[in-house]
Amino acid sequence: MQLAKGKVGILDYTLTDDDGNTLDESRDGSFEYLHGASNIIPALEQALEGKKAGDQLNLVLEPKDGYGERDPERVQKVPRHLFPPDMSIRPGMKFQGQSGSGQRTVVTVTQVDDDGVVVDGNHPLAGERLHFEVKVVNVREASEDELVRGRPA
């Protein structure tokens, strides 16, 4: 069976950066996604189209095809008084925020001082070239429930 819209792909993969550092991996056959449902990066999904169990691929995605370029406008300093006074805020913490257009977004604290908290709304992998090493472990039919939910069970 080949990967196509409405099929569930089971993958083993390793994601590395330009320096060979492992950014993410799943090597136990536990990573599943619903093909055609935007569960994974579109360029990766496109490269997997038509693949079957046992197929392997190495793929390098430029930032524009991965998580986009870093946008300096998504980094901003938020006044400290907008956070609860007893909250201990440290770099690396993540908060759910809202963009100017009302869209929910996750921001990461990058710096804290007496005046405010610098938060970065860019995806952590924005601006990175992504190196995928992927093996298709299996392809199966999606259940009706999975098709309705838009993701595997």
N, C-alpha and C. Protein backbone atom coordinates (compact mmCIF):
# COMPACT_ATOMS: atom_id res chain seq x y z
N MET A 1 0.84 -1.18 0.00
CA MET A 1 0.00 0.00 0.00
C MET A 1 0.90 1.25 0.00
N GLN A 2 0.52 2.23 -0.77
CA GLN A 2 1.31 3.45 -0.89
C GLN A 2 0.71 4.59 -0.08
N LEU A 3 1.58 5.49 0.35
CA LEU A 3 1.11 6.68 1.06
C LEU A 3 0.35 7.58 0.09
N ALA A 4 -0.86 7.90 0.49
CA ALA A 4 -1.74 8.77 -0.28
C ALA A 4 -2.74 9.38 0.69
N LYS A 5 -3.49 10.34 0.23
CA LYS A 5 -4.46 11.01 1.10
C LYS A 5 -5.38 9.98 1.76
N GLY A 6 -5.53 10.13 3.08
CA GLY A 6 -6.40 9.25 3.83
C GLY A 6 -5.74 7.98 4.35
N LYS A 7 -4.46 7.81 4.09
CA LYS A 7 -3.72 6.66 4.61
C LYS A 7 -2.91 7.12 5.81
N VAL A 8 -2.64 6.19 6.72
CA VAL A 8 -1.80 6.49 7.87
C VAL A 8 -0.40 5.97 7.58
N GLY A 9 0.57 6.86 7.71
CA GLY A 9 1.96 6.49 7.54
C GLY A 9 2.61 6.30 8.90
N ILE A 10 3.35 5.22 9.05
CA ILE A 10 4.11 4.96 10.27
C ILE A 10 5.58 5.10 9.87
N LEU A 11 6.29 6.01 10.55
CA LEU A 11 7.64 6.36 10.15
C LEU A 11 8.64 6.20 11.28
N ASP A 12 9.86 5.88 10.90
CA ASP A 12 11.03 6.07 11.74
C ASP A 12 11.77 7.24 11.09
N TYR A 13 12.24 8.18 11.89
CA TYR A 13 12.94 9.31 11.30
C TYR A 13 13.95 9.89 12.27
N THR A 14 14.91 10.59 11.70
CA THR A 14 15.85 11.41 12.47
C THR A 14 15.88 12.77 11.77
N LEU A 15 15.75 13.81 12.55
CA LEU A 15 15.83 15.19 12.06
C LEU A 15 17.08 15.81 12.65
N THR A 16 17.96 16.32 11.77
CA THR A 16 19.19 16.95 12.23
C THR A 16 19.33 18.34 11.62
N ASP A 17 20.22 19.13 12.21
CA ASP A 17 20.53 20.46 11.67
C ASP A 17 21.76 20.37 10.78
N ASP A 18 22.22 21.51 10.29
CA ASP A 18 23.38 21.54 9.39
C ASP A 18 24.65 20.98 10.03
N ASP A 19 24.74 21.05 11.35
CA ASP A 19 25.93 20.56 12.05
C ASP A 19 25.82 19.08 12.44
N GLY A 20 24.72 18.44 12.07
CA GLY A 20 24.54 17.03 12.39
C GLY A 20 23.96 16.78 13.77
N ASN A 21 23.56 17.84 14.47
CA ASN A 21 22.94 17.67 15.78
C ASN A 21 21.53 17.13 15.62
N THR A 22 21.18 16.11 16.38
CA THR A 22 19.84 15.55 16.32
C THR A 22 18.87 16.49 17.01
N LEU A 23 17.84 16.92 16.25
CA LEU A 23 16.83 17.82 16.78
C LEU A 23 15.59 17.06 17.24
N ASP A 24 15.32 15.95 16.58
CA ASP A 24 14.15 15.14 16.93
C ASP A 24 14.34 13.78 16.26
N GLU A 25 13.75 12.76 16.85
CA GLU A 25 13.78 11.45 16.21
C GLU A 25 12.73 10.54 16.80
N SER A 26 12.37 9.57 16.01
CA SER A 26 11.48 8.49 16.43
C SER A 26 11.98 7.26 15.70
N ARG A 27 12.48 6.31 16.44
CA ARG A 27 13.09 5.12 15.85
C ARG A 27 12.42 3.83 16.29
N ASP A 28 11.20 3.94 16.84
CA ASP A 28 10.56 2.74 17.36
C ASP A 28 9.23 2.41 16.68
N GLY A 29 8.98 3.03 15.52
CA GLY A 29 7.74 2.76 14.80
C GLY A 29 6.50 3.35 15.44
N SER A 30 6.70 4.30 16.36
CA SER A 30 5.55 4.87 17.07
C SER A 30 5.03 6.17 16.46
N PHE A 31 5.74 6.73 15.47
CA PHE A 31 5.30 7.98 14.87
C PHE A 31 4.33 7.69 13.74
N GLU A 32 3.08 8.15 13.90
CA GLU A 32 2.05 7.97 12.89
C GLU A 32 1.50 9.34 12.49
N TYR A 33 1.14 9.46 11.24
CA TYR A 33 0.48 10.68 10.77
C TYR A 33 -0.54 10.31 9.71
N LEU A 34 -1.53 11.17 9.53
CA LEU A 34 -2.56 10.98 8.52
C LEU A 34 -2.15 11.75 7.27
N HIS A 35 -1.84 11.04 6.22
CA HIS A 35 -1.36 11.67 5.00
C HIS A 35 -2.47 12.54 4.39
N GLY A 36 -2.12 13.76 4.03
CA GLY A 36 -3.07 14.68 3.42
C GLY A 36 -3.84 15.53 4.41
N ALA A 37 -3.54 15.39 5.71
CA ALA A 37 -4.27 16.13 6.73
C ALA A 37 -3.42 17.22 7.39
N SER A 38 -2.29 17.55 6.78
CA SER A 38 -1.40 18.59 7.30
C SER A 38 -0.89 18.28 8.71
N ASN A 39 -0.64 17.01 8.98
CA ASN A 39 -0.09 16.60 10.28
C ASN A 39 1.42 16.81 10.35
N ILE A 40 2.07 16.90 9.19
CA ILE A 40 3.52 17.07 9.14
C ILE A 40 3.84 18.22 8.18
N ILE A 41 5.10 18.61 8.12
CA ILE A 41 5.54 19.69 7.23
C ILE A 41 5.12 19.34 5.80
N PRO A 42 4.45 20.26 5.11
CA PRO A 42 3.96 19.96 3.75
C PRO A 42 5.02 19.44 2.79
N ALA A 43 6.22 19.98 2.80
CA ALA A 43 7.26 19.51 1.87
C ALA A 43 7.67 18.07 2.18
N LEU A 44 7.67 17.69 3.45
CA LEU A 44 7.97 16.31 3.83
C LEU A 44 6.84 15.39 3.38
N GLU A 45 5.62 15.83 3.61
CA GLU A 45 4.47 15.03 3.19
C GLU A 45 4.48 14.82 1.67
N GLN A 46 4.80 15.86 0.93
CA GLN A 46 4.87 15.74 -0.53
C GLN A 46 5.95 14.74 -0.95
N ALA A 47 7.09 14.77 -0.28
CA ALA A 47 8.17 13.84 -0.60
C ALA A 47 7.79 12.39 -0.28
N LEU A 48 6.89 12.20 0.68
CA LEU A 48 6.47 10.86 1.07
C LEU A 48 5.34 10.31 0.20
N GLU A 49 4.69 11.16 -0.57
CA GLU A 49 3.59 10.73 -1.43
C GLU A 49 4.03 9.56 -2.30
N GLY A 50 3.24 8.49 -2.26
CA GLY A 50 3.51 7.32 -3.09
C GLY A 50 4.50 6.32 -2.52
N LYS A 51 5.12 6.66 -1.39
CA LYS A 51 6.09 5.73 -0.77
C LYS A 51 5.33 4.58 -0.10
N LYS A 52 6.03 3.46 0.06
CA LYS A 52 5.43 2.28 0.70
C LYS A 52 6.35 1.75 1.79
N ALA A 53 5.88 0.80 2.56
CA ALA A 53 6.67 0.22 3.65
C ALA A 53 8.03 -0.23 3.12
N GLY A 54 9.07 0.13 3.85
CA GLY A 54 10.43 -0.22 3.49
C GLY A 54 11.16 0.88 2.73
N ASP A 55 10.42 1.81 2.12
CA ASP A 55 11.06 2.91 1.40
C ASP A 55 11.78 3.83 2.38
N GLN A 56 12.90 4.38 1.92
CA GLN A 56 13.68 5.32 2.73
C GLN A 56 13.95 6.55 1.90
N LEU A 57 14.12 7.67 2.58
CA LEU A 57 14.49 8.88 1.88
C LEU A 57 15.28 9.80 2.79
N ASN A 58 16.17 10.54 2.16
CA ASN A 58 16.91 11.61 2.82
C ASN A 58 16.46 12.89 2.15
N LEU A 59 16.10 13.87 2.96
CA LEU A 59 15.52 15.10 2.44
C LEU A 59 16.10 16.28 3.20
N VAL A 60 16.52 17.30 2.47
CA VAL A 60 16.99 18.53 3.09
C VAL A 60 16.00 19.62 2.73
N LEU A 61 15.43 20.26 3.74
CA LEU A 61 14.46 21.33 3.53
C LEU A 61 15.06 22.66 3.92
N GLU A 62 14.98 23.61 3.02
CA GLU A 62 15.39 24.98 3.34
C GLU A 62 14.36 25.57 4.30
N PRO A 63 14.74 26.61 5.05
CA PRO A 63 13.82 27.19 6.02
C PRO A 63 12.43 27.51 5.45
N LYS A 64 12.37 28.05 4.25
CA LYS A 64 11.08 28.43 3.67
C LYS A 64 10.16 27.21 3.48
N ASP A 65 10.75 26.02 3.36
CA ASP A 65 9.97 24.80 3.18
C ASP A 65 9.75 24.04 4.49
N GLY A 66 10.36 24.54 5.56
CA GLY A 66 10.21 23.92 6.87
C GLY A 66 9.33 24.78 7.76
N TYR A 67 9.96 25.47 8.71
CA TYR A 67 9.21 26.30 9.65
C TYR A 67 9.34 27.78 9.36
N GLY A 68 9.82 28.11 8.15
CA GLY A 68 9.92 29.50 7.74
C GLY A 68 11.20 30.16 8.22
N GLU A 69 11.41 31.36 7.72
CA GLU A 69 12.54 32.17 8.15
C GLU A 69 12.21 32.78 9.51
N ARG A 70 13.24 33.13 10.27
CA ARG A 70 13.02 33.84 11.53
C ARG A 70 12.49 35.22 11.23
N ASP A 71 11.48 35.65 11.94
CA ASP A 71 10.88 36.96 11.76
C ASP A 71 11.18 37.80 12.99
N PRO A 72 12.04 38.82 12.86
CA PRO A 72 12.41 39.64 14.02
C PRO A 72 11.20 40.36 14.65
N GLU A 73 10.15 40.54 13.88
CA GLU A 73 8.95 41.20 14.43
C GLU A 73 8.19 40.30 15.39
N ARG A 74 8.52 39.03 15.41
CA ARG A 74 7.85 38.10 16.34
C ARG A 74 8.58 38.03 17.68
N VAL A 75 9.63 38.84 17.82
CA VAL A 75 10.36 38.95 19.09
C VAL A 75 10.00 40.30 19.68
N GLN A 76 9.51 40.28 20.92
CA GLN A 76 9.11 41.55 21.52
C GLN A 76 9.33 41.52 23.03
N LYS A 77 9.45 42.71 23.58
CA LYS A 77 9.60 42.84 25.02
C LYS A 77 8.23 43.18 25.61
N VAL A 78 7.82 42.38 26.58
CA VAL A 78 6.53 42.54 27.24
C VAL A 78 6.79 43.12 28.63
N PRO A 79 6.07 44.17 29.01
CA PRO A 79 6.28 44.74 30.35
C PRO A 79 6.09 43.69 31.44
N ARG A 80 6.99 43.71 32.40
CA ARG A 80 6.98 42.72 33.49
C ARG A 80 5.67 42.75 34.26
N HIS A 81 5.05 43.92 34.38
CA HIS A 81 3.81 44.03 35.18
C HIS A 81 2.63 43.28 34.55
N LEU A 82 2.78 42.81 33.31
CA LEU A 82 1.71 42.03 32.69
C LEU A 82 1.71 40.57 33.13
N PHE A 83 2.73 40.19 33.88
CA PHE A 83 2.83 38.84 34.42
C PHE A 83 2.51 38.90 35.90
N PRO A 84 1.99 37.83 36.49
CA PRO A 84 1.73 37.83 37.93
C PRO A 84 3.03 38.15 38.70
N PRO A 85 2.95 39.03 39.70
CA PRO A 85 4.15 39.47 40.40
C PRO A 85 4.91 38.34 41.10
N ASP A 86 4.21 37.30 41.52
CA ASP A 86 4.87 36.21 42.24
C ASP A 86 5.38 35.11 41.31
N MET A 87 5.20 35.30 40.00
CA MET A 87 5.62 34.27 39.05
C MET A 87 7.12 34.39 38.77
N SER A 88 7.81 33.26 38.90
CA SER A 88 9.23 33.20 38.58
C SER A 88 9.36 32.89 37.09
N ILE A 89 9.83 33.86 36.33
CA ILE A 89 9.94 33.69 34.88
C ILE A 89 11.40 33.53 34.51
N ARG A 90 11.68 32.48 33.70
CA ARG A 90 13.05 32.18 33.31
C ARG A 90 13.13 31.96 31.80
N PRO A 91 14.28 32.25 31.20
CA PRO A 91 14.46 31.94 29.78
C PRO A 91 14.20 30.46 29.51
N GLY A 92 13.56 30.21 28.39
CA GLY A 92 13.20 28.85 28.01
C GLY A 92 11.75 28.50 28.32
N MET A 93 11.13 29.26 29.24
CA MET A 93 9.73 28.99 29.55
C MET A 93 8.87 29.32 28.33
N LYS A 94 7.77 28.61 28.20
CA LYS A 94 6.85 28.84 27.09
C LYS A 94 5.50 29.28 27.64
N PHE A 95 4.90 30.21 26.92
CA PHE A 95 3.57 30.71 27.28
C PHE A 95 2.71 30.73 26.04
N GLN A 96 1.41 30.56 26.25
CA GLN A 96 0.49 30.72 25.14
C GLN A 96 0.08 32.18 25.13
N GLY A 97 0.17 32.77 23.97
CA GLY A 97 -0.17 34.18 23.83
C GLY A 97 -1.15 34.37 22.69
N GLN A 98 -1.36 35.63 22.35
CA GLN A 98 -2.27 35.97 21.28
C GLN A 98 -1.62 37.04 20.41
N SER A 99 -1.66 36.82 19.11
CA SER A 99 -1.07 37.79 18.19
C SER A 99 -1.99 39.00 18.09
N GLY A 100 -1.53 40.05 17.42
CA GLY A 100 -2.33 41.25 17.23
C GLY A 100 -3.63 40.96 16.49
N SER A 101 -3.63 39.91 15.66
CA SER A 101 -4.84 39.54 14.92
C SER A 101 -5.74 38.59 15.70
N GLY A 102 -5.34 38.28 16.94
CA GLY A 102 -6.17 37.42 17.79
C GLY A 102 -5.86 35.94 17.67
N GLN A 103 -4.87 35.58 16.86
CA GLN A 103 -4.50 34.18 16.68
C GLN A 103 -3.67 33.71 17.87
N ARG A 104 -4.00 32.51 18.38
CA ARG A 104 -3.23 31.95 19.49
C ARG A 104 -1.85 31.53 19.00
N THR A 105 -0.85 31.77 19.83
CA THR A 105 0.52 31.44 19.47
C THR A 105 1.28 31.06 20.72
N VAL A 106 2.33 30.27 20.56
CA VAL A 106 3.20 29.91 21.67
C VAL A 106 4.45 30.77 21.56
N VAL A 107 4.82 31.39 22.67
CA VAL A 107 6.04 32.20 22.71
C VAL A 107 7.00 31.60 23.72
N THR A 108 8.30 31.80 23.46
CA THR A 108 9.35 31.31 24.34
C THR A 108 10.07 32.50 24.95
N VAL A 109 10.26 32.46 26.26
CA VAL A 109 10.99 33.52 26.95
C VAL A 109 12.46 33.39 26.61
N THR A 110 13.06 34.50 26.15
CA THR A 110 14.48 34.47 25.80
C THR A 110 15.32 35.31 26.76
N GLN A 111 14.68 36.25 27.45
CA GLN A 111 15.43 37.13 28.35
C GLN A 111 14.47 37.74 29.36
N VAL A 112 14.96 37.94 30.58
CA VAL A 112 14.15 38.55 31.64
C VAL A 112 15.01 39.58 32.35
N ASP A 113 14.44 40.77 32.55
CA ASP A 113 15.11 41.78 33.38
C ASP A 113 14.04 42.52 34.18
N ASP A 114 14.42 43.53 34.93
CA ASP A 114 13.47 44.23 35.79
C ASP A 114 12.37 44.93 34.99
N ASP A 115 12.68 45.35 33.78
CA ASP A 115 11.71 46.09 32.97
C ASP A 115 10.72 45.21 32.24
N GLY A 116 11.16 44.02 31.85
CA GLY A 116 10.26 43.21 31.07
C GLY A 116 10.79 41.84 30.73
N VAL A 117 10.01 41.20 29.90
CA VAL A 117 10.29 39.83 29.49
C VAL A 117 10.34 39.81 27.96
N VAL A 118 11.44 39.36 27.40
CA VAL A 118 11.55 39.25 25.95
C VAL A 118 11.03 37.87 25.56
N VAL A 119 10.05 37.87 24.64
CA VAL A 119 9.46 36.62 24.17
C VAL A 119 9.64 36.52 22.67
N ASP A 120 9.78 35.28 22.20
CA ASP A 120 10.00 35.00 20.78
C ASP A 120 8.86 34.11 20.30
N GLY A 121 8.10 34.62 19.33
CA GLY A 121 6.97 33.87 18.79
C GLY A 121 7.33 33.04 17.57
N ASN A 122 8.60 33.04 17.18
CA ASN A 122 9.03 32.19 16.07
C ASN A 122 9.03 30.73 16.51
N HIS A 123 8.77 29.83 15.58
CA HIS A 123 8.92 28.40 15.87
C HIS A 123 10.39 28.17 16.23
N PRO A 124 10.69 27.30 17.18
CA PRO A 124 12.09 27.06 17.56
C PRO A 124 12.99 26.66 16.39
N LEU A 125 12.42 26.07 15.35
CA LEU A 125 13.23 25.65 14.20
C LEU A 125 13.12 26.61 13.01
N ALA A 126 12.51 27.78 13.23
CA ALA A 126 12.45 28.77 12.16
C ALA A 126 13.87 29.18 11.79
N GLY A 127 14.12 29.33 10.51
CA GLY A 127 15.43 29.73 10.03
C GLY A 127 16.43 28.59 9.89
N GLU A 128 16.03 27.40 10.29
CA GLU A 128 16.94 26.24 10.23
C GLU A 128 16.73 25.43 8.95
N ARG A 129 17.81 24.96 8.37
CA ARG A 129 17.75 23.97 7.29
C ARG A 129 17.54 22.63 7.99
N LEU A 130 16.57 21.87 7.55
CA LEU A 130 16.20 20.61 8.20
C LEU A 130 16.65 19.42 7.36
N HIS A 131 17.33 18.49 8.01
CA HIS A 131 17.82 17.28 7.34
C HIS A 131 17.02 16.09 7.89
N PHE A 132 16.19 15.51 7.05
CA PHE A 132 15.38 14.35 7.45
C PHE A 132 15.96 13.07 6.86
N GLU A 133 16.04 12.06 7.71
CA GLU A 133 16.35 10.70 7.30
C GLU A 133 15.12 9.90 7.70
N VAL A 134 14.37 9.39 6.72
CA VAL A 134 13.07 8.79 6.99
C VAL A 134 12.98 7.39 6.41
N LYS A 135 12.39 6.50 7.18
CA LYS A 135 12.05 5.17 6.70
C LYS A 135 10.56 4.96 6.92
N VAL A 136 9.86 4.53 5.87
CA VAL A 136 8.44 4.20 6.00
C VAL A 136 8.36 2.79 6.59
N VAL A 137 7.86 2.70 7.81
CA VAL A 137 7.75 1.41 8.50
C VAL A 137 6.53 0.66 8.00
N ASN A 138 5.41 1.39 7.85
CA ASN A 138 4.17 0.76 7.41
C ASN A 138 3.23 1.83 6.88
N VAL A 139 2.26 1.39 6.08
CA VAL A 139 1.17 2.23 5.61
C VAL A 139 -0.10 1.44 5.82
N ARG A 140 -1.11 2.10 6.39
CA ARG A 140 -2.38 1.40 6.61
C ARG A 140 -3.54 2.32 6.28
N GLU A 141 -4.69 1.73 6.15
CA GLU A 141 -5.91 2.50 5.94
C GLU A 141 -6.24 3.26 7.23
N ALA A 142 -6.73 4.46 7.09
CA ALA A 142 -7.21 5.22 8.26
C ALA A 142 -8.62 4.77 8.59
N SER A 143 -8.94 4.76 9.88
CA SER A 143 -10.32 4.45 10.29
C SER A 143 -11.21 5.66 10.00
N GLU A 144 -12.51 5.44 10.02
CA GLU A 144 -13.45 6.56 9.83
C GLU A 144 -13.23 7.62 10.90
N ASP A 145 -13.01 7.19 12.13
CA ASP A 145 -12.78 8.13 13.24
C ASP A 145 -11.52 8.96 12.99
N GLU A 146 -10.46 8.32 12.51
CA GLU A 146 -9.22 9.05 12.23
C GLU A 146 -9.42 10.07 11.10
N LEU A 147 -10.19 9.68 10.09
CA LEU A 147 -10.46 10.60 9.00
C LEU A 147 -11.26 11.81 9.48
N VAL A 148 -12.22 11.58 10.36
CA VAL A 148 -13.04 12.68 10.90
C VAL A 148 -12.19 13.59 11.79
N ARG A 149 -11.36 13.00 12.65
CA ARG A 149 -10.53 13.79 13.56
C ARG A 149 -9.35 14.45 12.85
N GLY A 150 -8.94 13.90 11.71
CA GLY A 150 -7.83 14.47 10.97
C GLY A 150 -6.47 14.07 11.49
N ARG A 151 -6.44 12.98 12.26
CA ARG A 151 -5.15 12.48 12.80
C ARG A 151 -5.35 11.05 13.25
N PRO A 152 -4.23 10.31 13.35
CA PRO A 152 -4.35 8.91 13.81
C PRO A 152 -4.80 8.84 15.27
N ALA A 153 -5.33 7.68 15.60
CA ALA A 153 -5.85 7.46 16.97
C ALA A 153 -4.78 7.57 18.02
